[in-house]
Structures are given as structure tokens and as C-alpha cells.
């Protein structure tokens, strides 16, 4: 079974807001010593897409 892919368009402001929010969430997870691998992967995908514009 294939994974479902979803495409969403964001303005630069919205993209930066999303990246900053996920980064804050990641920092909160680090404070409570919770694994962040999945969040890290998502954050890297968003940053790469934002740079590619």
C-alpha cells in the first residue's frame, strides 16, 4: 500500500511560522528527554522545501 501524499501551498510567512512552531515543539520534547527523530525528519523536509523556493 502506498503512502498518501498531500500537497499544501504556504506563503513565506506561513512557512516560517510552521517551521518555528515545530522547532519549539522539538525543543519542548528535548526538555522532557523525549525522542525527536520523527519531528527532526519533518522539520528538515520543511526547511529543504522552504529553501528550494
C-alpha atoms as a PDB file:
ATOM      1  CA  UNK A   1       0.000   0.000   0.000  1.00  0.00           C
ATOM      2  CA  UNK A   2       1.333   3.418  -0.954  1.00  0.00           C
ATOM      3  CA  UNK A   3       1.595   6.277   1.448  1.00  0.00           C
ATOM      4  CA  UNK A   4      -0.831   9.060   0.775  1.00  0.00           C
ATOM      5  CA  UNK A   5       0.871  12.336  -0.168  1.00  0.00           C
ATOM      6  CA  UNK A   6      -0.690  15.718   0.367  1.00  0.00           C
ATOM      7  CA  UNK A   7       0.452  18.980  -1.212  1.00  0.00           C
ATOM      8  CA  UNK A   8      -0.239  22.248   0.562  1.00  0.00           C
ATOM      9  CA  UNK A   9       0.827  25.726  -0.532  1.00  0.00           C
ATOM     10  CA  UNK A  10       2.075  28.217   2.059  1.00  0.00           C
ATOM     11  CA  UNK A  11       3.190  31.808   1.868  1.00  0.00           C
ATOM     12  CA  UNK A  12       6.720  32.539   3.086  1.00  0.00           C
ATOM     13  CA  UNK A  13       5.295  33.895   6.336  1.00  0.00           C
ATOM     14  CA  UNK A  14       3.151  30.808   6.916  1.00  0.00           C
ATOM     15  CA  UNK A  15       6.066  28.504   6.145  1.00  0.00           C
ATOM     16  CA  UNK A  16       8.341  30.316   8.593  1.00  0.00           C
ATOM     17  CA  UNK A  17       5.608  30.241  11.224  1.00  0.00           C
ATOM     18  CA  UNK A  18       5.187  26.494  10.744  1.00  0.00           C
ATOM     19  CA  UNK A  19       8.938  25.845  10.938  1.00  0.00           C
ATOM     20  CA  UNK A  20       9.286  27.945  14.089  1.00  0.00           C
ATOM     21  CA  UNK A  21       6.317  26.212  15.733  1.00  0.00           C
ATOM     22  CA  UNK A  22       7.649  22.736  15.007  1.00  0.00           C
ATOM     23  CA  UNK A  23      11.081  23.764  16.237  1.00  0.00           C
ATOM     24  CA  UNK A  24       9.555  25.000  19.512  1.00  0.00           C
ATOM     25  CA  UNK A  25       7.739  21.665  19.836  1.00  0.00           C
ATOM     26  CA  UNK A  26      11.052  19.858  19.227  1.00  0.00           C
ATOM     27  CA  UNK A  27      12.729  21.926  21.942  1.00  0.00           C
ATOM     28  CA  UNK A  28       9.935  21.048  24.385  1.00  0.00           C
ATOM     29  CA  UNK A  29      10.402  17.358  23.586  1.00  0.00           C
ATOM     30  CA  UNK A  30      14.137  17.662  24.214  1.00  0.00           C
ATOM     31  CA  UNK A  31      13.492  19.271  27.613  1.00  0.00           C
ATOM     32  CA  UNK A  32      11.463  16.264  28.745  1.00  0.00           C
ATOM     33  CA  UNK A  33      14.008  13.833  27.235  1.00  0.00           C
ATOM     34  CA  UNK A  34      11.571  12.524  24.617  1.00  0.00           C
ATOM     35  CA  UNK A  35      12.760  11.156  21.237  1.00  0.00           C
ATOM     36  CA  UNK A  36      12.666  13.707  18.417  1.00  0.00           C
ATOM     37  CA  UNK A  37      13.664  11.683  15.353  1.00  0.00           C
ATOM     38  CA  UNK A  38      10.284  11.956  13.620  1.00  0.00           C
ATOM     39  CA  UNK A  39       9.975  15.651  14.397  1.00  0.00           C
ATOM     40  CA  UNK A  40      13.545  16.210  13.166  1.00  0.00           C
ATOM     41  CA  UNK A  41      12.742  14.493   9.863  1.00  0.00           C
ATOM     42  CA  UNK A  42       9.616  16.601   9.365  1.00  0.00           C
ATOM     43  CA  UNK A  43      11.476  19.795  10.238  1.00  0.00           C
ATOM     44  CA  UNK A  44      14.264  19.004   7.771  1.00  0.00           C
ATOM     45  CA  UNK A  45      11.741  18.339   4.985  1.00  0.00           C
ATOM     46  CA  UNK A  46      10.044  21.667   5.624  1.00  0.00           C
ATOM     47  CA  UNK A  47      13.323  23.581   5.720  1.00  0.00           C
ATOM     48  CA  UNK A  48      14.559  21.965   2.488  1.00  0.00           C
ATOM     49  CA  UNK A  49      11.286  22.781   0.721  1.00  0.00           C
ATOM     50  CA  UNK A  50      11.372  26.357   2.018  1.00  0.00           C
ATOM     51  CA  UNK A  51      14.936  26.839   0.748  1.00  0.00           C
ATOM     52  CA  UNK A  52      14.047  25.402  -2.650  1.00  0.00           C
ATOM     53  CA  UNK A  53      11.547  28.169  -3.430  1.00  0.00           C
END
